Amino acid sequence: MRPLPDFSLFERQGASVTCRRRFSEVCSRGVKESSELQAVPEQLLDGAVLSCRYLLRSSIRDYFFQRRRNQDFFSLEYIYSGEILIRSGERAYVAEPGDLCLLHPNRDNALLHLPGAECRKAGMIPAGTLLPELLKSLRLDRVDVIRLDPALWDDAFDRMWTHLHDVMDPAARRRLSGEMFELLNLMADLSRAAPVAADMAEFRTYLEDHLAEPLDMKRLAAGRGMSLPTLNKRFRAGFNMTPYRYLIRARLLRAARLLCESRLTVKEIGALVGYGSPFHFSVEFTRFHGHSPREFRRLDGGRDDR
């Protein structure tokens, strides 16, 4: 994995919407040549504690771009050969052979392959009601890339492939759940993720509890006995983004929930998440979610407020 200094290459790519869900959308452009694919029928995932939505092995020879705006699922991408550019939230990097890339939900994620050397990779979408808590317990929710020997990856992938082939059999689904649990534990062992510092975890909670207030990061840093650059560095080490970016993200995710779950006006919701100006709130919300607050509420089936 080699870090990329900025996101400008991703921002310049255009793509068409291929899938739109409640809070997210996927846009794609170019060709991904899939050689092997197995998927679990949606009805078999209902109520599953731990499972796998699909497995895919593919090769990409030419241009391919996929943007996952506010991705609403957890996914894995393993690189066999070549390389692919990945944006995950506030990080961008070049994924290389042996990299297992973790693309987390509630982030803007993107994959970009430029014409040149062929990239061979495998994709996996873990699923299940236990998955979010398991990722948190194993501290994988803070990990973006893990170095993994291809033999270990193929061993886990191939066993899951066998169980997916017989997924209509309840015994095969139980075995699939066990294989997924083993893979996640292997990933946790390899990641050696350092725990988030206690004071940074406390600061994150402080931000989430004060979304409606005008917060001055420089003043908050000084109150904790450090400079703003030091606060940014320490917070980013635990959460992969600066406190300011985390605050904006938390405000706009809270706003989306209020739009769907309440009858408050857009102006009222903006004020509740720290925006004194309805115009500024609308601009920020549209940039983050891809739709204005009123459009977002209409798409969710809510009322159109004025």
C-alpha atoms as a PDB file:
ATOM      1  CA  MET A   1       0.000   0.000   0.000  1.00  0.00           C
ATOM      2  CA  ARG A   2       1.344   3.382  -1.043  1.00  0.00           C
ATOM      3  CA  PRO A   3      -0.427   6.520   0.189  1.00  0.00           C
ATOM      4  CA  LEU A   4      -1.738   9.108  -2.275  1.00  0.00           C
ATOM      5  CA  PRO A   5      -1.330  12.741  -1.195  1.00  0.00           C
ATOM      6  CA  ASP A   6      -4.802  13.932  -2.225  1.00  0.00           C
ATOM      7  CA  PHE A   7      -8.148  12.959  -3.756  1.00  0.00           C
ATOM      8  CA  SER A   8      -7.946  15.099  -6.887  1.00  0.00           C
ATOM      9  CA  LEU A   9      -7.612  12.126  -9.248  1.00  0.00           C
ATOM     10  CA  PHE A  10     -10.835  10.631  -7.901  1.00  0.00           C
ATOM     11  CA  GLU A  11     -12.677  13.949  -8.023  1.00  0.00           C
ATOM     12  CA  ARG A  12     -11.990  14.310 -11.758  1.00  0.00           C
ATOM     13  CA  GLN A  13     -13.646  11.004 -12.688  1.00  0.00           C
ATOM     14  CA  GLY A  14     -17.197  10.914 -14.025  1.00  0.00           C
ATOM     15  CA  ALA A  15     -19.609   7.986 -13.695  1.00  0.00           C
ATOM     16  CA  SER A  16     -23.268   7.048 -14.074  1.00  0.00           C
ATOM     17  CA  VAL A  17     -25.498   5.855 -11.239  1.00  0.00           C
ATOM     18  CA  THR A  18     -25.839   2.052 -11.341  1.00  0.00           C
ATOM     19  CA  CYS A  19     -27.466   1.490  -7.943  1.00  0.00           C
ATOM     20  CA  ARG A  20     -29.284   3.844  -5.585  1.00  0.00           C
ATOM     21  CA  ARG A  21     -30.280   2.876  -2.089  1.00  0.00           C
ATOM     22  CA  ARG A  22     -31.862   4.753   0.793  1.00  0.00           C
ATOM     23  CA  PHE A  23     -28.844   6.761   1.914  1.00  0.00           C
ATOM     24  CA  SER A  24     -26.227   5.753  -0.656  1.00  0.00           C
ATOM     25  CA  GLU A  25     -25.538   5.282  -4.340  1.00  0.00           C
ATOM     26  CA  VAL A  26     -23.016   3.508  -6.535  1.00  0.00           C
ATOM     27  CA  CYS A  27     -21.722   5.113  -9.733  1.00  0.00           C
ATOM     28  CA  SER A  28     -19.609   3.172 -12.244  1.00  0.00           C
ATOM     29  CA  ARG A  29     -17.806   3.696 -15.523  1.00  0.00           C
ATOM     30  CA  GLY A  30     -15.618   1.348 -17.543  1.00  0.00           C
ATOM     31  CA  VAL A  31     -15.334  -2.421 -17.668  1.00  0.00           C
ATOM     32  CA  LYS A  32     -14.642  -4.951 -14.926  1.00  0.00           C
ATOM     33  CA  GLU A  33     -14.272  -8.459 -16.386  1.00  0.00           C
ATOM     34  CA  SER A  34     -15.675 -10.871 -13.821  1.00  0.00           C
ATOM     35  CA  SER A  35     -14.480 -14.442 -14.058  1.00  0.00           C
ATOM     36  CA  GLU A  36     -16.166 -15.947 -10.991  1.00  0.00           C
ATOM     37  CA  LEU A  37     -19.147 -14.768  -8.968  1.00  0.00           C
ATOM     38  CA  GLN A  38     -21.381 -16.331  -6.322  1.00  0.00           C
ATOM     39  CA  ALA A  39     -24.082 -14.495  -4.385  1.00  0.00           C
ATOM     40  CA  VAL A  40     -26.475 -15.388  -1.565  1.00  0.00           C
ATOM     41  CA  PRO A  41     -30.200 -14.801  -2.219  1.00  0.00           C
ATOM     42  CA  GLU A  42     -31.417 -11.844  -0.154  1.00  0.00           C
ATOM     43  CA  GLN A  43     -34.100 -13.905   1.619  1.00  0.00           C
ATOM     44  CA  LEU A  44     -31.400 -16.158   3.091  1.00  0.00           C
ATOM     45  CA  LEU A  45     -29.625 -13.150   4.620  1.00  0.00           C
ATOM     46  CA  ASP A  46     -32.653 -11.995   6.632  1.00  0.00           C
ATOM     47  CA  GLY A  47     -31.845 -12.562  10.279  1.00  0.00           C
ATOM     48  CA  ALA A  48     -28.468 -14.178   9.536  1.00  0.00           C
ATOM     49  CA  VAL A  49     -26.028 -13.617  12.397  1.00  0.00           C
ATOM     50  CA  LEU A  50     -22.909 -13.826  10.221  1.00  0.00           C
ATOM     51  CA  SER A  51     -22.775 -14.604   6.515  1.00  0.00           C
ATOM     52  CA  CYS A  52     -21.430 -13.438   3.152  1.00  0.00           C
ATOM     53  CA  ARG A  53     -23.447 -11.514   0.582  1.00  0.00           C
ATOM     54  CA  TYR A  54     -21.193 -12.379  -2.362  1.00  0.00           C
ATOM     55  CA  LEU A  55     -17.776 -13.577  -3.495  1.00  0.00           C
ATOM     56  CA  LEU A  56     -16.148 -12.350  -6.691  1.00  0.00           C
ATOM     57  CA  ARG A  57     -12.878 -12.890  -8.514  1.00  0.00           C
ATOM     58  CA  SER A  58     -12.278 -10.458 -11.358  1.00  0.00           C
ATOM     59  CA  SER A  59      -9.672  -8.949 -13.631  1.00  0.00           C
ATOM     60  CA  ILE A  60      -9.473  -5.361 -14.853  1.00  0.00           C
ATOM     61  CA  ARG A  61      -7.409  -4.603 -17.954  1.00  0.00           C
ATOM     62  CA  ASP A  62      -8.627  -1.169 -19.017  1.00  0.00           C
ATOM     63  CA  TYR A  63     -10.186   1.885 -17.395  1.00  0.00           C
ATOM     64  CA  PHE A  64     -12.572   1.235 -14.514  1.00  0.00           C
ATOM     65  CA  PHE A  65     -14.007   3.648 -11.927  1.00  0.00           C
ATOM     66  CA  GLN A  66     -16.578   3.047  -9.220  1.00  0.00           C
ATOM     67  CA  ARG A  67     -17.702   5.603  -6.665  1.00  0.00           C
ATOM     68  CA  ARG A  68     -19.658   4.388  -3.641  1.00  0.00           C
ATOM     69  CA  ARG A  69     -21.215   7.456  -2.070  1.00  0.00           C
ATOM     70  CA  ASN A  70     -21.899   6.884   1.654  1.00  0.00           C
ATOM     71  CA  GLN A  71     -21.375   3.130   1.145  1.00  0.00           C
ATOM     72  CA  ASP A  72     -23.935   1.268   3.259  1.00  0.00           C
ATOM     73  CA  PHE A  73     -22.132  -2.074   3.550  1.00  0.00           C
ATOM     74  CA  PHE A  74     -18.755  -3.443   4.643  1.00  0.00           C
ATOM     75  CA  SER A  75     -16.617  -4.945   1.860  1.00  0.00           C
ATOM     76  CA  LEU A  76     -13.200  -6.474   1.276  1.00  0.00           C
ATOM     77  CA  GLU A  77     -10.958  -6.176  -1.793  1.00  0.00           C
ATOM     78  CA  TYR A  78      -7.907  -8.445  -2.086  1.00  0.00           C
ATOM     79  CA  ILE A  79      -5.247  -7.651  -4.713  1.00  0.00           C
ATOM     80  CA  TYR A  80      -3.529 -10.605  -6.425  1.00  0.00           C
ATOM     81  CA  SER A  81      -1.576  -8.726  -9.086  1.00  0.00           C
ATOM     82  CA  GLY A  82      -1.260  -5.261 -10.579  1.00  0.00           C
ATOM     83  CA  GLU A  83      -2.608  -2.358  -8.585  1.00  0.00           C
ATOM     84  CA  ILE A  84      -5.749  -0.295  -8.097  1.00  0.00           C
ATOM     85  CA  LEU A  85      -6.273   3.159  -6.589  1.00  0.00           C
ATOM     86  CA  ILE A  86      -8.623   3.297  -3.624  1.00  0.00           C
ATOM     87  CA  ARG A  87     -10.226   6.110  -1.717  1.00  0.00           C
ATOM     88  CA  SER A  88     -11.714   5.204   1.657  1.00  0.00           C
ATOM     89  CA  GLY A  89     -13.187   8.092   3.596  1.00  0.00           C
ATOM     90  CA  GLU A  90     -10.387  10.544   4.298  1.00  0.00           C
ATOM     91  CA  ARG A  91      -7.584   8.321   2.960  1.00  0.00           C
ATOM     92  CA  ALA A  92      -6.395   7.532  -0.558  1.00  0.00           C
ATOM     93  CA  TYR A  93      -3.793   4.931  -1.505  1.00  0.00           C
ATOM     94  CA  VAL A  94      -2.493   2.563  -4.173  1.00  0.00           C
ATOM     95  CA  ALA A  95      -3.448  -1.030  -3.313  1.00  0.00           C
ATOM     96  CA  GLU A  96      -0.746  -3.519  -4.315  1.00  0.00           C
ATOM     97  CA  PRO A  97      -0.428  -7.335  -4.464  1.00  0.00           C
ATOM     98  CA  GLY A  98      -0.982  -8.839  -1.025  1.00  0.00           C
ATOM     99  CA  ASP A  99      -3.108  -5.916   0.212  1.00  0.00           C
ATOM    100  CA  LEU A 100      -6.479  -6.743   1.751  1.00  0.00           C
ATOM    101  CA  CYS A 101      -8.446  -3.488   1.665  1.00  0.00           C
ATOM    102  CA  LEU A 102     -11.296  -2.880   4.109  1.00  0.00           C
ATOM    103  CA  LEU A 103     -13.964  -0.494   2.771  1.00  0.00           C
ATOM    104  CA  HIS A 104     -16.141   0.573   5.669  1.00  0.00           C
ATOM    105  CA  PRO A 105     -19.775   1.710   5.615  1.00  0.00           C
ATOM    106  CA  ASN A 106     -20.861   5.331   6.057  1.00  0.00           C
ATOM    107  CA  ARG A 107     -17.885   6.558   4.033  1.00  0.00           C
ATOM    108  CA  ASP A 108     -17.384   7.792   0.502  1.00  0.00           C
ATOM    109  CA  ASN A 109     -15.341   4.994  -1.073  1.00  0.00           C
ATOM    110  CA  ALA A 110     -14.004   4.685  -4.612  1.00  0.00           C
ATOM    111  CA  LEU A 111     -11.958   2.316  -6.789  1.00  0.00           C
ATOM    112  CA  LEU A 112     -10.006   3.505  -9.841  1.00  0.00           C
ATOM    113  CA  HIS A 113      -8.017   1.435 -12.335  1.00  0.00           C
ATOM    114  CA  LEU A 114      -6.128   3.281 -15.042  1.00  0.00           C
ATOM    115  CA  PRO A 115      -5.146   1.614 -18.331  1.00  0.00           C
ATOM    116  CA  GLY A 116      -1.868  -0.265 -18.008  1.00  0.00           C
ATOM    117  CA  ALA A 117      -1.024  -3.431 -16.127  1.00  0.00           C
ATOM    118  CA  GLU A 118      -3.898  -5.819 -15.513  1.00  0.00           C
ATOM    119  CA  CYS A 119      -5.229  -5.940 -11.962  1.00  0.00           C
ATOM    120  CA  ARG A 120      -6.475  -9.290 -10.655  1.00  0.00           C
ATOM    121  CA  LYS A 121      -8.462  -9.072  -7.451  1.00  0.00           C
ATOM    122  CA  ALA A 122     -11.121 -10.704  -5.305  1.00  0.00           C
ATOM    123  CA  GLY A 123     -14.075  -9.054  -3.626  1.00  0.00           C
ATOM    124  CA  MET A 124     -16.153 -10.134  -0.650  1.00  0.00           C
ATOM    125  CA  ILE A 125     -19.115  -8.585   1.170  1.00  0.00           C
ATOM    126  CA  PRO A 126     -19.493  -9.955   4.706  1.00  0.00           C
ATOM    127  CA  ALA A 127     -22.980  -9.595   6.164  1.00  0.00           C
ATOM    128  CA  GLY A 128     -25.041 -10.402   9.239  1.00  0.00           C
ATOM    129  CA  THR A 129     -26.570  -8.795  12.301  1.00  0.00           C
ATOM    130  CA  LEU A 130     -23.455  -9.550  14.372  1.00  0.00           C
ATOM    131  CA  LEU A 131     -21.009  -8.015  11.877  1.00  0.00           C
ATOM    132  CA  PRO A 132     -20.893  -4.351  13.071  1.00  0.00           C
ATOM    133  CA  GLU A 133     -20.309  -5.315  16.708  1.00  0.00           C
ATOM    134  CA  LEU A 134     -17.787  -7.981  15.736  1.00  0.00           C
ATOM    135  CA  LEU A 135     -15.750  -5.514  13.665  1.00  0.00           C
ATOM    136  CA  LYS A 136     -15.743  -3.132  16.600  1.00  0.00           C
ATOM    137  CA  SER A 137     -14.759  -5.837  19.114  1.00  0.00           C
ATOM    138  CA  LEU A 138     -11.913  -7.031  16.893  1.00  0.00           C
ATOM    139  CA  ARG A 139     -10.830  -3.397  16.314  1.00  0.00           C
ATOM    140  CA  LEU A 140     -11.173  -3.876  12.579  1.00  0.00           C
ATOM    141  CA  ASP A 141     -13.456  -0.840  12.331  1.00  0.00           C
ATOM    142  CA  ARG A 142     -10.327   1.346  12.428  1.00  0.00           C
ATOM    143  CA  VAL A 143      -8.257  -0.662   9.914  1.00  0.00           C
ATOM    144  CA  ASP A 144      -8.036   0.158   6.200  1.00  0.00           C
ATOM    145  CA  VAL A 145      -5.390  -2.253   4.842  1.00  0.00           C
ATOM    146  CA  ILE A 146      -3.974  -5.587   6.049  1.00  0.00           C
ATOM    147  CA  ARG A 147      -1.061  -7.457   4.490  1.00  0.00           C
ATOM    148  CA  LEU A 148      -2.205 -11.036   3.880  1.00  0.00           C
ATOM    149  CA  ASP A 149      -0.439 -13.972   2.233  1.00  0.00           C
ATOM    150  CA  PRO A 150      -2.366 -15.057  -0.909  1.00  0.00           C
ATOM    151  CA  ALA A 151      -2.367 -18.700   0.236  1.00  0.00           C
ATOM    152  CA  LEU A 152      -4.187 -17.743   3.453  1.00  0.00           C
ATOM    153  CA  TRP A 153      -6.682 -15.595   1.571  1.00  0.00           C
ATOM    154  CA  ASP A 154      -7.353 -18.285  -1.059  1.00  0.00           C
ATOM    155  CA  ASP A 155      -7.786 -20.932   1.614  1.00  0.00           C
ATOM    156  CA  ALA A 156     -10.542 -18.914   3.318  1.00  0.00           C
ATOM    157  CA  PHE A 157     -12.061 -17.732   0.029  1.00  0.00           C
ATOM    158  CA  ASP A 158     -12.233 -21.233  -1.482  1.00  0.00           C
ATOM    159  CA  ARG A 159     -13.875 -22.765   1.593  1.00  0.00           C
ATOM    160  CA  MET A 160     -16.522 -20.027   1.559  1.00  0.00           C
ATOM    161  CA  TRP A 161     -17.000 -20.581  -2.177  1.00  0.00           C
ATOM    162  CA  THR A 162     -17.812 -24.229  -1.514  1.00  0.00           C
ATOM    163  CA  HIS A 163     -20.368 -23.375   1.164  1.00  0.00           C
ATOM    164  CA  LEU A 164     -21.933 -20.649  -0.996  1.00  0.00           C
ATOM    165  CA  HIS A 165     -22.391 -23.210  -3.765  1.00  0.00           C
ATOM    166  CA  ASP A 166     -24.592 -25.210  -1.378  1.00  0.00           C
ATOM    167  CA  VAL A 167     -26.120 -22.196   0.377  1.00  0.00           C
ATOM    168  CA  MET A 168     -29.686 -23.552   0.188  1.00  0.00           C
ATOM    169  CA  ASP A 169     -28.574 -26.164   2.729  1.00  0.00           C
ATOM    170  CA  PRO A 170     -28.856 -24.800   6.330  1.00  0.00           C
ATOM    171  CA  ALA A 171     -25.746 -26.787   7.318  1.00  0.00           C
ATOM    172  CA  ALA A 172     -23.740 -25.069   4.564  1.00  0.00           C
ATOM    173  CA  ARG A 173     -24.917 -21.666   5.804  1.00  0.00           C
ATOM    174  CA  ARG A 174     -23.752 -22.528   9.314  1.00  0.00           C
ATOM    175  CA  ARG A 175     -20.357 -23.569   7.988  1.00  0.00           C
ATOM    176  CA  LEU A 176     -20.175 -20.345   5.952  1.00  0.00           C
ATOM    177  CA  SER A 177     -20.812 -18.355   9.138  1.00  0.00           C
ATOM    178  CA  GLY A 178     -17.972 -20.189  10.879  1.00  0.00           C
ATOM    179  CA  GLU A 179     -15.550 -19.568   8.006  1.00  0.00           C
ATOM    180  CA  MET A 180     -16.382 -15.850   8.035  1.00  0.00           C
ATOM    181  CA  PHE A 181     -15.759 -15.698  11.782  1.00  0.00           C
ATOM    182  CA  GLU A 182     -12.356 -17.380  11.327  1.00  0.00           C
ATOM    183  CA  LEU A 183     -11.356 -14.959   8.548  1.00  0.00           C
ATOM    184  CA  LEU A 184     -12.256 -11.911  10.635  1.00  0.00           C
ATOM    185  CA  ASN A 185     -10.239 -13.267  13.553  1.00  0.00           C
ATOM    186  CA  LEU A 186      -7.262 -13.888  11.259  1.00  0.00           C
ATOM    187  CA  MET A 187      -7.536 -10.323   9.972  1.00  0.00           C
ATOM    188  CA  ALA A 188      -7.605  -9.000  13.541  1.00  0.00           C
ATOM    189  CA  ASP A 189      -4.486 -10.987  14.452  1.00  0.00           C
ATOM    190  CA  LEU A 190      -2.628  -9.653  11.417  1.00  0.00           C
ATOM    191  CA  SER A 191      -3.703  -6.049  11.768  1.00  0.00           C
ATOM    192  CA  ARG A 192      -2.307  -5.510  15.283  1.00  0.00           C
ATOM    193  CA  ALA A 193      -4.449  -2.394  15.387  1.00  0.00           C
ATOM    194  CA  ALA A 194      -3.406  -0.044  18.156  1.00  0.00           C
ATOM    195  CA  PRO A 195      -6.326   0.960  20.415  1.00  0.00           C
ATOM    196  CA  VAL A 196      -7.647   4.497  20.172  1.00  0.00           C
ATOM    197  CA  ALA A 197      -6.166   6.647  22.922  1.00  0.00           C
ATOM    198  CA  ALA A 198      -8.633   7.125  25.783  1.00  0.00           C
ATOM    199  CA  ASP A 199      -8.518  10.932  25.580  1.00  0.00           C
ATOM    200  CA  MET A 200      -9.250  10.847  21.837  1.00  0.00           C
ATOM    201  CA  ALA A 201     -12.186   8.474  22.369  1.00  0.00           C
ATOM    202  CA  GLU A 202     -13.480  10.906  25.010  1.00  0.00           C
ATOM    203  CA  PHE A 203     -13.018  13.822  22.608  1.00  0.00           C
ATOM    204  CA  ARG A 204     -14.998  12.014  19.901  1.00  0.00           C
ATOM    205  CA  THR A 205     -17.849  11.547  22.388  1.00  0.00           C
ATOM    206  CA  TYR A 206     -17.639  15.248  23.247  1.00  0.00           C
ATOM    207  CA  LEU A 207     -18.029  16.173  19.560  1.00  0.00           C
ATOM    208  CA  GLU A 208     -21.040  13.881  19.149  1.00  0.00           C
ATOM    209  CA  ASP A 209     -22.685  15.369  22.252  1.00  0.00           C
ATOM    210  CA  HIS A 210     -22.234  18.991  21.077  1.00  0.00           C
ATOM    211  CA  LEU A 211     -23.239  18.879  17.405  1.00  0.00           C
ATOM    212  CA  ALA A 212     -25.538  21.893  17.726  1.00  0.00           C
ATOM    213  CA  GLU A 213     -22.860  24.152  19.199  1.00  0.00           C
ATOM    214  CA  PRO A 214     -20.302  26.343  17.350  1.00  0.00           C
ATOM    215  CA  LEU A 215     -17.056  24.528  18.173  1.00  0.00           C
ATOM    216  CA  ASP A 216     -13.629  26.145  17.821  1.00  0.00           C
ATOM    217  CA  MET A 217     -11.108  23.333  17.316  1.00  0.00           C
ATOM    218  CA  LYS A 218      -8.136  25.509  18.197  1.00  0.00           C
ATOM    219  CA  ARG A 219      -9.732  26.474  21.509  1.00  0.00           C
ATOM    220  CA  LEU A 220     -10.721  22.860  22.225  1.00  0.00           C
ATOM    221  CA  ALA A 221      -7.155  21.724  21.531  1.00  0.00           C
ATOM    222  CA  ALA A 222      -5.741  24.364  23.879  1.00  0.00           C
ATOM    223  CA  GLY A 223      -8.192  23.246  26.555  1.00  0.00           C
ATOM    224  CA  ARG A 224      -6.654  19.785  26.277  1.00  0.00           C
ATOM    225  CA  GLY A 225      -3.128  21.106  26.582  1.00  0.00           C
ATOM    226  CA  MET A 226      -2.044  20.660  22.971  1.00  0.00           C
ATOM    227  CA  SER A 227      -1.782  22.552  19.699  1.00  0.00           C
ATOM    228  CA  LEU A 228      -4.332  22.080  16.922  1.00  0.00           C
ATOM    229  CA  PRO A 229      -1.816  20.216  14.655  1.00  0.00           C
ATOM    230  CA  THR A 230      -1.098  17.808  17.531  1.00  0.00           C
ATOM    231  CA  LEU A 231      -4.819  17.263  18.167  1.00  0.00           C
ATOM    232  CA  ASN A 232      -5.394  16.652  14.454  1.00  0.00           C
ATOM    233  CA  LYS A 233      -2.535  14.145  14.273  1.00  0.00           C
ATOM    234  CA  ARG A 234      -3.609  12.191  17.354  1.00  0.00           C
ATOM    235  CA  PHE A 235      -7.296  12.134  16.393  1.00  0.00           C
ATOM    236  CA  ARG A 236      -6.496  11.077  12.809  1.00  0.00           C
ATOM    237  CA  ALA A 237      -4.382   8.173  14.136  1.00  0.00           C
ATOM    238  CA  GLY A 238      -7.470   6.743  15.794  1.00  0.00           C
ATOM    239  CA  PHE A 239     -10.274   7.713  13.420  1.00  0.00           C
ATOM    240  CA  ASN A 240      -8.599   8.335  10.030  1.00  0.00           C
ATOM    241  CA  MET A 241      -9.827  11.932   9.829  1.00  0.00           C
ATOM    242  CA  THR A 242      -9.384  15.265  11.598  1.00  0.00           C
ATOM    243  CA  PRO A 243     -11.782  16.255  14.396  1.00  0.00           C
ATOM    244  CA  TYR A 244     -13.298  18.936  12.164  1.00  0.00           C
ATOM    245  CA  ARG A 245     -14.033  16.447   9.369  1.00  0.00           C
ATOM    246  CA  TYR A 246     -15.469  14.028  11.933  1.00  0.00           C
ATOM    247  CA  LEU A 247     -17.704  16.784  13.313  1.00  0.00           C
ATOM    248  CA  ILE A 248     -19.065  17.702   9.861  1.00  0.00           C
ATOM    249  CA  ARG A 249     -19.669  14.042   9.021  1.00  0.00           C
ATOM    250  CA  ALA A 250     -21.462  13.415  12.329  1.00  0.00           C
ATOM    251  CA  ARG A 251     -23.648  16.508  11.853  1.00  0.00           C
ATOM    252  CA  LEU A 252     -24.712  15.535   8.348  1.00  0.00           C
ATOM    253  CA  LEU A 253     -25.396  11.891   9.241  1.00  0.00           C
ATOM    254  CA  ARG A 254     -27.517  13.066  12.185  1.00  0.00           C
ATOM    255  CA  ALA A 255     -29.347  15.453   9.852  1.00  0.00           C
ATOM    256  CA  ALA A 256     -30.135  12.605   7.442  1.00  0.00           C
ATOM    257  CA  ARG A 257     -31.663  10.566  10.253  1.00  0.00           C
ATOM    258  CA  LEU A 258     -33.767  13.522  11.433  1.00  0.00           C
ATOM    259  CA  LEU A 259     -35.032  14.146   7.903  1.00  0.00           C
ATOM    260  CA  CYS A 260     -36.225  10.543   7.674  1.00  0.00           C
ATOM    261  CA  GLU A 261     -37.477  10.055  11.219  1.00  0.00           C
ATOM    262  CA  SER A 262     -38.980  13.420  12.241  1.00  0.00           C
ATOM    263  CA  ARG A 263     -41.400  16.052  10.978  1.00  0.00           C
ATOM    264  CA  LEU A 264     -39.052  18.934  11.762  1.00  0.00           C
ATOM    265  CA  THR A 265     -38.480  21.452   8.987  1.00  0.00           C
ATOM    266  CA  VAL A 266     -35.180  21.577   7.119  1.00  0.00           C
ATOM    267  CA  LYS A 267     -34.375  24.871   8.891  1.00  0.00           C
ATOM    268  CA  GLU A 268     -35.043  23.319  12.304  1.00  0.00           C
ATOM    269  CA  ILE A 269     -32.905  20.284  11.532  1.00  0.00           C
ATOM    270  CA  GLY A 270     -30.057  22.491  10.310  1.00  0.00           C
ATOM    271  CA  ALA A 271     -30.115  24.402  13.598  1.00  0.00           C
ATOM    272  CA  LEU A 272     -30.135  21.167  15.626  1.00  0.00           C
ATOM    273  CA  VAL A 273     -26.911  20.022  13.958  1.00  0.00           C
ATOM    274  CA  GLY A 274     -25.040  23.312  14.271  1.00  0.00           C
ATOM    275  CA  TYR A 275     -25.947  25.293  11.139  1.00  0.00           C
ATOM    276  CA  GLY A 276     -27.240  28.795  11.808  1.00  0.00           C
ATOM    277  CA  SER A 277     -27.640  29.411   8.069  1.00  0.00           C
ATOM    278  CA  PRO A 278     -30.185  27.219   6.205  1.00  0.00           C
ATOM    279  CA  PHE A 279     -28.342  27.961   2.949  1.00  0.00           C
ATOM    280  CA  HIS A 280     -24.991  26.798   4.358  1.00  0.00           C
ATOM    281  CA  PHE A 281     -26.676  23.666   5.738  1.00  0.00           C
ATOM    282  CA  SER A 282     -28.250  22.870   2.368  1.00  0.00           C
ATOM    283  CA  VAL A 283     -24.945  23.327   0.517  1.00  0.00           C
ATOM    284  CA  GLU A 284     -23.018  21.108   2.958  1.00  0.00           C
ATOM    285  CA  PHE A 285     -25.750  18.458   3.035  1.00  0.00           C
ATOM    286  CA  THR A 286     -25.943  18.309  -0.772  1.00  0.00           C
ATOM    287  CA  ARG A 287     -22.153  18.026  -1.086  1.00  0.00           C
ATOM    288  CA  PHE A 288     -22.065  15.130   1.401  1.00  0.00           C
ATOM    289  CA  HIS A 289     -25.214  13.168   0.463  1.00  0.00           C
ATOM    290  CA  GLY A 290     -25.564  14.039  -3.216  1.00  0.00           C
ATOM    291  CA  HIS A 291     -29.105  15.422  -2.735  1.00  0.00           C
ATOM    292  CA  SER A 292     -30.521  18.539  -1.126  1.00  0.00           C
ATOM    293  CA  PRO A 293     -32.292  18.030   2.241  1.00  0.00           C
ATOM    294  CA  ARG A 294     -35.737  18.313   0.627  1.00  0.00           C
ATOM    295  CA  GLU A 295     -34.798  15.918  -2.204  1.00  0.00           C
ATOM    296  CA  PHE A 296     -33.367  13.489   0.351  1.00  0.00           C
ATOM    297  CA  ARG A 297     -36.624  13.557   2.348  1.00  0.00           C
ATOM    298  CA  ARG A 298     -38.742  13.054  -0.781  1.00  0.00           C
ATOM    299  CA  LEU A 299     -36.614  10.099  -1.899  1.00  0.00           C
ATOM    300  CA  ASP A 300     -37.145   8.534   1.510  1.00  0.00           C
ATOM    301  CA  GLY A 301     -40.900   8.991   1.152  1.00  0.00           C
ATOM    302  CA  GLY A 302     -41.252  11.729   3.771  1.00  0.00           C
ATOM    303  CA  ARG A 303     -43.222  14.943   3.519  1.00  0.00           C
ATOM    304  CA  ASP A 304     -42.022  17.990   1.567  1.00  0.00           C
ATOM    305  CA  ASP A 305     -41.654  20.820   4.069  1.00  0.00           C
ATOM    306  CA  ARG A 306     -41.220  24.478   3.267  1.00  0.00           C
END
